[in-house]
Amino acid sequence: MSASVDPSSLQLSPIVAGAWRMAEWGFDVGQRLRWINEALALGIDSFDHADIYGDYRVESLFGEALAAEPGLRDRIRLVSKCGIKLTSAQRPDHRIKSYDTSAEHVLTSVENSLRALRTDRLDLLLIHRPDLLMDADALALTFEQLKAAGKVLHVGVSNHTPSQLQLLNARYRLATHQIELSPLHLPALDDGTLDQCQLLGMRPMIWSPLGGGRLFAADDVHAARVRECLVAVGERHGGASVATMVYAWLLRHPSRPWPITGSGRVQGLREAVAALSIRLSAEEWYEIWQVGAGREVA
């Protein structure tokens, strides 16, 4: 294995602010800057990006806000991802949607992200999706090059299977695995993903904790049942909101995950942070799992 930073040295705020939909929020520069500062005031100093978000535009929108307040960059942690190639007017050389972890693509993607975010470093770089043509040895060398140049401080993966992560982690020690998990999407709990995180001492990041908004869909019967359960459990914890209870459910897992919000609303950030003061019992955790899974434990 290549010598690299111990994954336990990666520090993110207990809740991470996701910028995935920033291009849809309609915020001007001042509103984007205010959102960042409101997150900081709540103890959220880590912001999750990917080069492809907003048709390759979100990083630039965020970077404009950082440029409007000199010194802000040193108060936050920036996460970004690369490896997905979308067909887009922003990337006219991409003929089809594909995945790419070649040195050329990763290095170019990082340079593009640094330029867009108006920074000289990423605190964390993730490989966004598993590349079926990934050369683990070559990618490890690319990580070494980025780390030696001070352009990337930590690296990890997103949406990989345990075997895919194991292959790359054997070549370069990874800092985290960003995965999908919510009461409406449970595979990571029993497919070995979170077991592996605990085995490696690797705290996972959790995307789409509210099911991409599906949790609040009026016409989704399954989601309605889960909401009803979350309301009932929330009543036992001071009337905490449905969203707060989802974050509390995620935080109860012993892998010590970092949930990622997806909201441009300050109230959405507050609801996530409120979960930090709630500790579910094991029975309450299983109560929510049971409704999400649609069955009792075997």
C-alpha atoms as a PDB file:
ATOM      1  CA  MET A   1       0.000   0.000   0.000  1.00  0.00           C
ATOM      2  CA  SER A   2       1.199   3.491  -0.811  1.00  0.00           C
ATOM      3  CA  ALA A   3       2.116   5.604   2.199  1.00  0.00           C
ATOM      4  CA  SER A   4      -0.641   8.140   2.729  1.00  0.00           C
ATOM      5  CA  VAL A   5      -2.516  10.107   5.371  1.00  0.00           C
ATOM      6  CA  ASP A   6      -4.305   7.978   7.968  1.00  0.00           C
ATOM      7  CA  PRO A   7      -8.051   8.137   7.229  1.00  0.00           C
ATOM      8  CA  SER A   8      -8.708   8.969  10.863  1.00  0.00           C
ATOM      9  CA  SER A   9      -6.957  12.310  10.299  1.00  0.00           C
ATOM     10  CA  LEU A  10      -9.726  13.501   7.965  1.00  0.00           C
ATOM     11  CA  GLN A  11     -11.801  16.052   9.846  1.00  0.00           C
ATOM     12  CA  LEU A  12     -15.196  17.233   8.620  1.00  0.00           C
ATOM     13  CA  SER A  13     -17.984  18.979  10.484  1.00  0.00           C
ATOM     14  CA  PRO A  14     -20.567  16.592  11.997  1.00  0.00           C
ATOM     15  CA  ILE A  15     -23.020  17.729   9.310  1.00  0.00           C
ATOM     16  CA  VAL A  16     -21.783  18.482   5.785  1.00  0.00           C
ATOM     17  CA  ALA A  17     -23.549  21.017   3.557  1.00  0.00           C
ATOM     18  CA  GLY A  18     -24.222  19.683   0.074  1.00  0.00           C
ATOM     19  CA  ALA A  19     -24.127  22.097  -2.865  1.00  0.00           C
ATOM     20  CA  TRP A  20     -25.477  19.640  -5.465  1.00  0.00           C
ATOM     21  CA  ARG A  21     -28.547  21.751  -6.307  1.00  0.00           C
ATOM     22  CA  MET A  22     -27.064  25.214  -5.835  1.00  0.00           C
ATOM     23  CA  ALA A  23     -27.618  26.076  -9.510  1.00  0.00           C
ATOM     24  CA  GLU A  24     -31.350  25.470  -8.972  1.00  0.00           C
ATOM     25  CA  TRP A  25     -31.638  27.708  -5.910  1.00  0.00           C
ATOM     26  CA  GLY A  26     -31.510  30.929  -7.919  1.00  0.00           C
ATOM     27  CA  PHE A  27     -29.183  32.575  -5.397  1.00  0.00           C
ATOM     28  CA  ASP A  28     -27.152  35.623  -6.364  1.00  0.00           C
ATOM     29  CA  VAL A  29     -23.574  35.961  -5.084  1.00  0.00           C
ATOM     30  CA  GLY A  30     -24.678  37.675  -1.886  1.00  0.00           C
ATOM     31  CA  GLN A  31     -27.237  34.985  -1.121  1.00  0.00           C
ATOM     32  CA  ARG A  32     -24.696  32.231  -1.744  1.00  0.00           C
ATOM     33  CA  LEU A  33     -22.244  33.940   0.579  1.00  0.00           C
ATOM     34  CA  ARG A  34     -24.933  34.345   3.223  1.00  0.00           C
ATOM     35  CA  TRP A  35     -25.810  30.645   2.961  1.00  0.00           C
ATOM     36  CA  ILE A  36     -22.163  29.691   3.528  1.00  0.00           C
ATOM     37  CA  ASN A  37     -21.891  31.981   6.542  1.00  0.00           C
ATOM     38  CA  GLU A  38     -25.182  30.749   7.978  1.00  0.00           C
ATOM     39  CA  ALA A  39     -23.879  27.202   7.711  1.00  0.00           C
ATOM     40  CA  LEU A  40     -20.694  28.224   9.503  1.00  0.00           C
ATOM     41  CA  ALA A  41     -22.716  29.844  12.277  1.00  0.00           C
ATOM     42  CA  LEU A  42     -24.414  26.480  12.803  1.00  0.00           C
ATOM     43  CA  GLY A  43     -21.087  24.660  13.062  1.00  0.00           C
ATOM     44  CA  ILE A  44     -21.109  23.369   9.479  1.00  0.00           C
ATOM     45  CA  ASP A  45     -17.728  24.098   7.921  1.00  0.00           C
ATOM     46  CA  SER A  46     -17.559  21.322   5.292  1.00  0.00           C
ATOM     47  CA  PHE A  47     -19.121  21.705   1.831  1.00  0.00           C
ATOM     48  CA  ASP A  48     -19.678  18.879  -0.629  1.00  0.00           C
ATOM     49  CA  HIS A  49     -19.269  19.387  -4.393  1.00  0.00           C
ATOM     50  CA  ALA A  50     -18.657  17.449  -7.596  1.00  0.00           C
ATOM     51  CA  ASP A  51     -17.318  18.743 -10.864  1.00  0.00           C
ATOM     52  CA  ILE A  52     -20.523  17.702 -12.687  1.00  0.00           C
ATOM     53  CA  TYR A  53     -23.010  19.364 -10.319  1.00  0.00           C
ATOM     54  CA  GLY A  54     -25.311  21.845 -12.028  1.00  0.00           C
ATOM     55  CA  ASP A  55     -24.027  20.871 -15.477  1.00  0.00           C
ATOM     56  CA  TYR A  56     -20.469  21.712 -14.393  1.00  0.00           C
ATOM     57  CA  ARG A  57     -21.544  25.100 -12.967  1.00  0.00           C
ATOM     58  CA  VAL A  58     -21.982  24.728  -9.203  1.00  0.00           C
ATOM     59  CA  GLU A  59     -18.296  24.894  -8.285  1.00  0.00           C
ATOM     60  CA  SER A  60     -18.001  28.223 -10.108  1.00  0.00           C
ATOM     61  CA  LEU A  61     -21.086  29.591  -8.331  1.00  0.00           C
ATOM     62  CA  PHE A  62     -19.580  28.615  -4.979  1.00  0.00           C
ATOM     63  CA  GLY A  63     -16.172  29.990  -5.970  1.00  0.00           C
ATOM     64  CA  GLU A  64     -17.693  33.374  -6.790  1.00  0.00           C
ATOM     65  CA  ALA A  65     -19.088  33.528  -3.266  1.00  0.00           C
ATOM     66  CA  LEU A  66     -15.714  32.620  -1.738  1.00  0.00           C
ATOM     67  CA  ALA A  67     -14.023  35.323  -3.786  1.00  0.00           C
ATOM     68  CA  ALA A  68     -16.472  37.888  -2.402  1.00  0.00           C
ATOM     69  CA  GLU A  69     -15.142  37.388   1.131  1.00  0.00           C
ATOM     70  CA  PRO A  70     -11.352  37.069   1.305  1.00  0.00           C
ATOM     71  CA  GLY A  71     -10.238  34.774   4.095  1.00  0.00           C
ATOM     72  CA  LEU A  72     -13.383  32.656   4.036  1.00  0.00           C
ATOM     73  CA  ARG A  73     -11.592  29.757   2.325  1.00  0.00           C
ATOM     74  CA  ASP A  74      -9.413  29.159   5.389  1.00  0.00           C
ATOM     75  CA  ARG A  75     -12.495  28.710   7.565  1.00  0.00           C
ATOM     76  CA  ILE A  76     -14.053  25.923   5.508  1.00  0.00           C
ATOM     77  CA  ARG A  77     -13.313  22.454   4.148  1.00  0.00           C
ATOM     78  CA  LEU A  78     -13.974  21.730   0.491  1.00  0.00           C
ATOM     79  CA  VAL A  79     -14.930  18.304  -0.836  1.00  0.00           C
ATOM     80  CA  SER A  80     -15.248  17.545  -4.537  1.00  0.00           C
ATOM     81  CA  LYS A  81     -15.599  14.531  -6.804  1.00  0.00           C
ATOM     82  CA  CYS A  82     -14.492  13.583 -10.280  1.00  0.00           C
ATOM     83  CA  GLY A  83     -14.542  10.593 -12.592  1.00  0.00           C
ATOM     84  CA  ILE A  84     -17.937  10.999 -14.275  1.00  0.00           C
ATOM     85  CA  LYS A  85     -17.910  12.380 -17.816  1.00  0.00           C
ATOM     86  CA  LEU A  86     -21.274  13.821 -18.836  1.00  0.00           C
ATOM     87  CA  THR A  87     -22.274  14.946 -22.297  1.00  0.00           C
ATOM     88  CA  SER A  88     -22.554  18.708 -21.925  1.00  0.00           C
ATOM     89  CA  ALA A  89     -21.980  21.946 -23.786  1.00  0.00           C
ATOM     90  CA  GLN A  90     -19.486  22.645 -21.000  1.00  0.00           C
ATOM     91  CA  ARG A  91     -17.461  19.576 -22.031  1.00  0.00           C
ATOM     92  CA  PRO A  92     -17.853  19.293 -25.824  1.00  0.00           C
ATOM     93  CA  ASP A  93     -15.186  16.575 -26.070  1.00  0.00           C
ATOM     94  CA  HIS A  94     -17.360  14.122 -24.060  1.00  0.00           C
ATOM     95  CA  ARG A  95     -19.056  12.000 -26.725  1.00  0.00           C
ATOM     96  CA  ILE A  96     -21.006   9.717 -24.371  1.00  0.00           C
ATOM     97  CA  LYS A  97     -21.595   9.471 -20.644  1.00  0.00           C
ATOM     98  CA  SER A  98     -18.771   7.386 -19.194  1.00  0.00           C
ATOM     99  CA  TYR A  99     -16.457   7.015 -16.213  1.00  0.00           C
ATOM    100  CA  ASP A 100     -12.754   7.867 -16.319  1.00  0.00           C
ATOM    101  CA  THR A 101     -10.073   7.500 -13.644  1.00  0.00           C
ATOM    102  CA  SER A 102      -7.092   7.935 -15.948  1.00  0.00           C
ATOM    103  CA  ALA A 103      -4.340  10.240 -14.726  1.00  0.00           C
ATOM    104  CA  GLU A 104      -5.129  12.713 -17.496  1.00  0.00           C
ATOM    105  CA  HIS A 105      -8.785  12.988 -16.590  1.00  0.00           C
ATOM    106  CA  VAL A 106      -8.322  13.111 -12.802  1.00  0.00           C
ATOM    107  CA  LEU A 107      -5.540  15.693 -12.948  1.00  0.00           C
ATOM    108  CA  THR A 108      -7.472  17.851 -15.404  1.00  0.00           C
ATOM    109  CA  SER A 109     -10.632  17.570 -13.322  1.00  0.00           C
ATOM    110  CA  VAL A 110      -8.825  18.661 -10.175  1.00  0.00           C
ATOM    111  CA  GLU A 111      -7.313  21.674 -11.962  1.00  0.00           C
ATOM    112  CA  ASN A 112     -10.775  22.614 -13.246  1.00  0.00           C
ATOM    113  CA  SER A 113     -12.271  22.301  -9.759  1.00  0.00           C
ATOM    114  CA  LEU A 114      -9.512  24.364  -8.152  1.00  0.00           C
ATOM    115  CA  ARG A 115      -9.984  27.070 -10.759  1.00  0.00           C
ATOM    116  CA  ALA A 116     -13.769  27.080 -10.406  1.00  0.00           C
ATOM    117  CA  LEU A 117     -13.700  27.083  -6.595  1.00  0.00           C
ATOM    118  CA  ARG A 118     -10.949  29.733  -6.594  1.00  0.00           C
ATOM    119  CA  THR A 119      -8.776  27.780  -4.227  1.00  0.00           C
ATOM    120  CA  ASP A 120      -5.348  26.164  -4.265  1.00  0.00           C
ATOM    121  CA  ARG A 121      -6.410  22.904  -2.583  1.00  0.00           C
ATOM    122  CA  LEU A 122      -9.214  20.434  -1.996  1.00  0.00           C
ATOM    123  CA  ASP A 123      -9.503  19.076   1.513  1.00  0.00           C
ATOM    124  CA  LEU A 124     -10.996  15.884   0.076  1.00  0.00           C
ATOM    125  CA  LEU A 125     -11.229  14.452  -3.440  1.00  0.00           C
ATOM    126  CA  LEU A 126     -13.537  11.522  -4.165  1.00  0.00           C
ATOM    127  CA  ILE A 127     -13.775   9.227  -7.163  1.00  0.00           C
ATOM    128  CA  HIS A 128     -17.461   9.738  -7.903  1.00  0.00           C
ATOM    129  CA  ARG A 129     -18.398   6.346  -9.399  1.00  0.00           C
ATOM    130  CA  PRO A 130     -16.514   3.070  -9.880  1.00  0.00           C
ATOM    131  CA  ASP A 131     -14.661   3.028 -13.199  1.00  0.00           C
ATOM    132  CA  LEU A 132     -14.724  -0.482 -14.676  1.00  0.00           C
ATOM    133  CA  LEU A 133     -11.391   0.307 -16.349  1.00  0.00           C
ATOM    134  CA  MET A 134      -9.746   1.641 -13.201  1.00  0.00           C
ATOM    135  CA  ASP A 135      -6.046   0.817 -12.936  1.00  0.00           C
ATOM    136  CA  ALA A 136      -5.610   0.892  -9.157  1.00  0.00           C
ATOM    137  CA  ASP A 137      -1.825   1.233  -9.297  1.00  0.00           C
ATOM    138  CA  ALA A 138      -1.985   4.107 -11.767  1.00  0.00           C
ATOM    139  CA  LEU A 139      -4.702   5.880  -9.799  1.00  0.00           C
ATOM    140  CA  ALA A 140      -2.688   5.533  -6.590  1.00  0.00           C
ATOM    141  CA  LEU A 141       0.227   7.247  -8.335  1.00  0.00           C
ATOM    142  CA  THR A 142      -2.110  10.039  -9.423  1.00  0.00           C
ATOM    143  CA  PHE A 143      -3.227  10.488  -5.813  1.00  0.00           C
ATOM    144  CA  GLU A 144       0.420  10.639  -4.733  1.00  0.00           C
ATOM    145  CA  GLN A 145       1.108  13.313  -7.327  1.00  0.00           C
ATOM    146  CA  LEU A 146      -1.826  15.449  -6.203  1.00  0.00           C
ATOM    147  CA  LYS A 147      -0.914  15.073  -2.542  1.00  0.00           C
ATOM    148  CA  ALA A 148       2.751  15.904  -3.145  1.00  0.00           C
ATOM    149  CA  ALA A 149       1.701  19.057  -4.987  1.00  0.00           C
ATOM    150  CA  GLY A 150      -0.534  20.074  -2.065  1.00  0.00           C
ATOM    151  CA  LYS A 151      -3.572  20.203  -4.338  1.00  0.00           C
ATOM    152  CA  VAL A 152      -5.495  17.409  -2.568  1.00  0.00           C
ATOM    153  CA  LEU A 153      -5.127  16.653   1.141  1.00  0.00           C
ATOM    154  CA  HIS A 154      -7.240  13.468   1.380  1.00  0.00           C
ATOM    155  CA  VAL A 155      -8.811  11.081  -1.119  1.00  0.00           C
ATOM    156  CA  GLY A 156     -11.712   8.660  -1.012  1.00  0.00           C
ATOM    157  CA  VAL A 157     -14.412   7.128  -3.153  1.00  0.00           C
ATOM    158  CA  SER A 158     -18.158   7.384  -3.626  1.00  0.00           C
ATOM    159  CA  ASN A 159     -20.727   4.742  -4.579  1.00  0.00           C
ATOM    160  CA  HIS A 160     -18.229   1.867  -4.754  1.00  0.00           C
ATOM    161  CA  THR A 161     -18.854  -1.747  -3.784  1.00  0.00           C
ATOM    162  CA  PRO A 162     -16.798  -3.160  -0.902  1.00  0.00           C
ATOM    163  CA  SER A 163     -14.593  -5.117  -3.326  1.00  0.00           C
ATOM    164  CA  GLN A 164     -13.984  -2.052  -5.503  1.00  0.00           C
ATOM    165  CA  LEU A 165     -13.015  -0.013  -2.468  1.00  0.00           C
ATOM    166  CA  GLN A 166     -10.796  -2.819  -1.180  1.00  0.00           C
ATOM    167  CA  LEU A 167      -8.870  -2.936  -4.447  1.00  0.00           C
ATOM    168  CA  LEU A 168      -8.058   0.766  -4.435  1.00  0.00           C
ATOM    169  CA  ASN A 169      -7.522   0.954  -0.679  1.00  0.00           C
ATOM    170  CA  ALA A 170      -4.869  -1.762  -0.988  1.00  0.00           C
ATOM    171  CA  ARG A 171      -2.890   0.635  -3.203  1.00  0.00           C
ATOM    172  CA  TYR A 172      -3.618   3.928  -1.469  1.00  0.00           C
ATOM    173  CA  ARG A 173      -5.231   4.347   1.921  1.00  0.00           C
ATOM    174  CA  LEU A 174      -8.584   6.031   1.438  1.00  0.00           C
ATOM    175  CA  ALA A 175     -10.097   8.491   3.884  1.00  0.00           C
ATOM    176  CA  THR A 176     -13.845   7.960   3.392  1.00  0.00           C
ATOM    177  CA  HIS A 177     -16.582   6.373   1.336  1.00  0.00           C
ATOM    178  CA  GLN A 178     -19.538   8.541   0.336  1.00  0.00           C
ATOM    179  CA  ILE A 179     -22.657   6.400  -0.018  1.00  0.00           C
ATOM    180  CA  GLU A 180     -26.422   6.666  -0.314  1.00  0.00           C
ATOM    181  CA  LEU A 181     -28.367   5.783   2.815  1.00  0.00           C
ATOM    182  CA  SER A 182     -31.783   6.742   4.136  1.00  0.00           C
ATOM    183  CA  PRO A 183     -34.798   4.988   5.670  1.00  0.00           C
ATOM    184  CA  LEU A 184     -35.957   4.612   2.059  1.00  0.00           C
ATOM    185  CA  HIS A 185     -32.633   3.222   0.773  1.00  0.00           C
ATOM    186  CA  LEU A 186     -31.078   0.600   3.038  1.00  0.00           C
ATOM    187  CA  PRO A 187     -28.634  -1.612   1.068  1.00  0.00           C
ATOM    188  CA  ALA A 188     -25.465  -0.175   2.641  1.00  0.00           C
ATOM    189  CA  LEU A 189     -26.554  -1.555   6.009  1.00  0.00           C
ATOM    190  CA  ASP A 190     -26.293  -5.196   4.981  1.00  0.00           C
ATOM    191  CA  ASP A 191     -24.266  -5.421   1.758  1.00  0.00           C
ATOM    192  CA  GLY A 192     -20.940  -5.071   3.578  1.00  0.00           C
ATOM    193  CA  THR A 193     -20.433  -1.372   2.849  1.00  0.00           C
ATOM    194  CA  LEU A 194     -20.768  -0.053   6.401  1.00  0.00           C
ATOM    195  CA  ASP A 195     -19.163  -3.168   7.865  1.00  0.00           C
ATOM    196  CA  GLN A 196     -16.109  -2.384   5.756  1.00  0.00           C
ATOM    197  CA  CYS A 197     -16.070   1.223   6.927  1.00  0.00           C
ATOM    198  CA  GLN A 198     -15.949   0.097  10.544  1.00  0.00           C
ATOM    199  CA  LEU A 199     -13.304  -2.514   9.759  1.00  0.00           C
ATOM    200  CA  LEU A 200     -11.065   0.107   8.133  1.00  0.00           C
ATOM    201  CA  GLY A 201     -11.772   2.871  10.648  1.00  0.00           C
ATOM    202  CA  MET A 202     -13.201   4.879   7.761  1.00  0.00           C
ATOM    203  CA  ARG A 203     -16.080   7.226   8.591  1.00  0.00           C
ATOM    204  CA  PRO A 204     -18.578   7.238   5.716  1.00  0.00           C
ATOM    205  CA  MET A 205     -20.298  10.261   4.210  1.00  0.00           C
ATOM    206  CA  ILE A 206     -24.024   9.881   3.557  1.00  0.00           C
ATOM    207  CA  TRP A 207     -25.731  11.431   0.544  1.00  0.00           C
ATOM    208  CA  SER A 208     -29.478  11.774  -0.064  1.00  0.00           C
ATOM    209  CA  PRO A 209     -30.420  11.165   3.595  1.00  0.00           C
ATOM    210  CA  LEU A 210     -33.974  12.372   2.871  1.00  0.00           C
ATOM    211  CA  GLY A 211     -34.308  10.141  -0.160  1.00  0.00           C
ATOM    212  CA  GLY A 212     -33.731  12.995  -2.591  1.00  0.00           C
ATOM    213  CA  GLY A 213     -36.935  14.597  -1.306  1.00  0.00           C
ATOM    214  CA  ARG A 214     -38.958  11.409  -1.826  1.00  0.00           C
ATOM    215  CA  LEU A 215     -39.523  11.183   1.921  1.00  0.00           C
ATOM    216  CA  PHE A 216     -41.951  14.112   1.641  1.00  0.00           C
ATOM    217  CA  ALA A 217     -43.751  12.990  -1.522  1.00  0.00           C
ATOM    218  CA  ALA A 218     -47.518  13.139  -1.003  1.00  0.00           C
ATOM    219  CA  ASP A 219     -48.268  10.311  -3.416  1.00  0.00           C
ATOM    220  CA  ASP A 220     -45.695   7.791  -2.129  1.00  0.00           C
ATOM    221  CA  VAL A 221     -47.370   5.288   0.196  1.00  0.00           C
ATOM    222  CA  HIS A 222     -44.110   3.810   1.461  1.00  0.00           C
ATOM    223  CA  ALA A 223     -42.671   7.246   2.196  1.00  0.00           C
ATOM    224  CA  ALA A 224     -45.874   8.208   4.022  1.00  0.00           C
ATOM    225  CA  ARG A 225     -45.531   5.188   6.331  1.00  0.00           C
ATOM    226  CA  VAL A 226     -41.924   6.090   7.078  1.00  0.00           C
ATOM    227  CA  ARG A 227     -42.915   9.718   7.767  1.00  0.00           C
ATOM    228  CA  GLU A 228     -45.631   8.576  10.161  1.00  0.00           C
ATOM    229  CA  CYS A 229     -43.094   6.499  12.072  1.00  0.00           C
ATOM    230  CA  LEU A 230     -40.577   9.349  12.179  1.00  0.00           C
ATOM    231  CA  VAL A 231     -43.231  11.705  13.526  1.00  0.00           C
ATOM    232  CA  ALA A 232     -44.111   9.219  16.265  1.00  0.00           C
ATOM    233  CA  VAL A 233     -40.489   8.718  17.282  1.00  0.00           C
ATOM    234  CA  GLY A 234     -39.879  12.458  17.051  1.00  0.00           C
ATOM    235  CA  GLU A 235     -42.664  13.096  19.559  1.00  0.00           C
ATOM    236  CA  ARG A 236     -40.625  11.174  22.114  1.00  0.00           C
ATOM    237  CA  HIS A 237     -37.746  13.558  21.463  1.00  0.00           C
ATOM    238  CA  GLY A 238     -39.406  16.896  22.031  1.00  0.00           C
ATOM    239  CA  GLY A 239     -41.400  16.974  18.808  1.00  0.00           C
ATOM    240  CA  ALA A 240     -38.349  16.865  16.557  1.00  0.00           C
ATOM    241  CA  SER A 241     -39.105  17.192  12.852  1.00  0.00           C
ATOM    242  CA  VAL A 242     -39.166  14.329  10.369  1.00  0.00           C
ATOM    243  CA  ALA A 243     -35.913  15.561   8.807  1.00  0.00           C
ATOM    244  CA  THR A 244     -34.203  15.856  12.191  1.00  0.00           C
ATOM    245  CA  MET A 245     -35.201  12.312  13.072  1.00  0.00           C
ATOM    246  CA  VAL A 246     -33.751  10.979   9.812  1.00  0.00           C
ATOM    247  CA  TYR A 247     -30.416  12.601  10.601  1.00  0.00           C
ATOM    248  CA  ALA A 248     -30.575  11.240  14.159  1.00  0.00           C
ATOM    249  CA  TRP A 249     -31.246   7.768  12.731  1.00  0.00           C
ATOM    250  CA  LEU A 250     -28.176   8.026  10.495  1.00  0.00           C
ATOM    251  CA  LEU A 251     -25.973   9.390  13.269  1.00  0.00           C
ATOM    252  CA  ARG A 252     -26.931   6.460  15.519  1.00  0.00           C
ATOM    253  CA  HIS A 253     -24.903   4.063  13.358  1.00  0.00           C
ATOM    254  CA  PRO A 254     -21.548   3.042  14.915  1.00  0.00           C
ATOM    255  CA  SER A 255     -19.620   3.866  11.726  1.00  0.00           C
ATOM    256  CA  ARG A 256     -20.020   7.526  12.843  1.00  0.00           C
ATOM    257  CA  PRO A 257     -21.222   8.847   9.482  1.00  0.00           C
ATOM    258  CA  TRP A 258     -21.107  12.396   8.186  1.00  0.00           C
ATOM    259  CA  PRO A 259     -24.579  13.137   6.727  1.00  0.00           C
ATOM    260  CA  ILE A 260     -24.762  15.578   3.818  1.00  0.00           C
ATOM    261  CA  THR A 261     -27.656  18.022   3.585  1.00  0.00           C
ATOM    262  CA  GLY A 262     -29.014  19.110   0.224  1.00  0.00           C
ATOM    263  CA  SER A 263     -30.923  22.206   1.208  1.00  0.00           C
ATOM    264  CA  GLY A 264     -30.475  25.860   0.395  1.00  0.00           C
ATOM    265  CA  ARG A 265     -32.825  26.674   3.279  1.00  0.00           C
ATOM    266  CA  VAL A 266     -31.255  27.672   6.571  1.00  0.00           C
ATOM    267  CA  GLN A 267     -34.066  25.802   8.316  1.00  0.00           C
ATOM    268  CA  GLY A 268     -32.973  22.653   6.497  1.00  0.00           C
ATOM    269  CA  LEU A 269     -29.478  23.103   7.914  1.00  0.00           C
ATOM    270  CA  ARG A 270     -30.876  23.752  11.387  1.00  0.00           C
ATOM    271  CA  GLU A 271     -32.954  20.576  11.283  1.00  0.00           C
ATOM    272  CA  ALA A 272     -29.865  18.548  10.444  1.00  0.00           C
ATOM    273  CA  VAL A 273     -27.796  20.125  13.214  1.00  0.00           C
ATOM    274  CA  ALA A 274     -30.617  19.563  15.733  1.00  0.00           C
ATOM    275  CA  ALA A 275     -30.083  15.813  15.329  1.00  0.00           C
ATOM    276  CA  LEU A 276     -26.685  16.082  16.990  1.00  0.00           C
ATOM    277  CA  SER A 277     -28.393  16.401  20.379  1.00  0.00           C
ATOM    278  CA  ILE A 278     -30.644  13.354  19.879  1.00  0.00           C
ATOM    279  CA  ARG A 279     -29.640   9.787  20.725  1.00  0.00           C
ATOM    280  CA  LEU A 280     -32.045   7.115  19.545  1.00  0.00           C
ATOM    281  CA  SER A 281     -32.378   3.884  21.461  1.00  0.00           C
ATOM    282  CA  ALA A 282     -31.593   0.691  19.584  1.00  0.00           C
ATOM    283  CA  GLU A 283     -35.303  -0.175  19.565  1.00  0.00           C
ATOM    284  CA  GLU A 284     -36.198   3.220  18.100  1.00  0.00           C
ATOM    285  CA  TRP A 285     -33.542   2.794  15.414  1.00  0.00           C
ATOM    286  CA  TYR A 286     -34.980  -0.608  14.487  1.00  0.00           C
ATOM    287  CA  GLU A 287     -38.493   0.786  14.614  1.00  0.00           C
ATOM    288  CA  ILE A 288     -37.579   3.192  11.814  1.00  0.00           C
ATOM    289  CA  TRP A 289     -35.584   0.550   9.941  1.00  0.00           C
ATOM    290  CA  GLN A 290     -38.512  -1.865  10.099  1.00  0.00           C
ATOM    291  CA  VAL A 291     -40.913   0.581   8.446  1.00  0.00           C
ATOM    292  CA  GLY A 292     -38.298   1.509   5.849  1.00  0.00           C
ATOM    293  CA  ALA A 293     -37.569  -2.145   5.064  1.00  0.00           C
ATOM    294  CA  GLY A 294     -41.234  -3.099   5.150  1.00  0.00           C
ATOM    295  CA  ARG A 295     -40.605  -6.080   7.414  1.00  0.00           C
ATOM    296  CA  GLU A 296     -39.395  -7.200  10.809  1.00  0.00           C
ATOM    297  CA  VAL A 297     -35.846  -8.352  11.311  1.00  0.00           C
ATOM    298  CA  ALA A 298     -35.434 -11.991  10.254  1.00  0.00           C
END
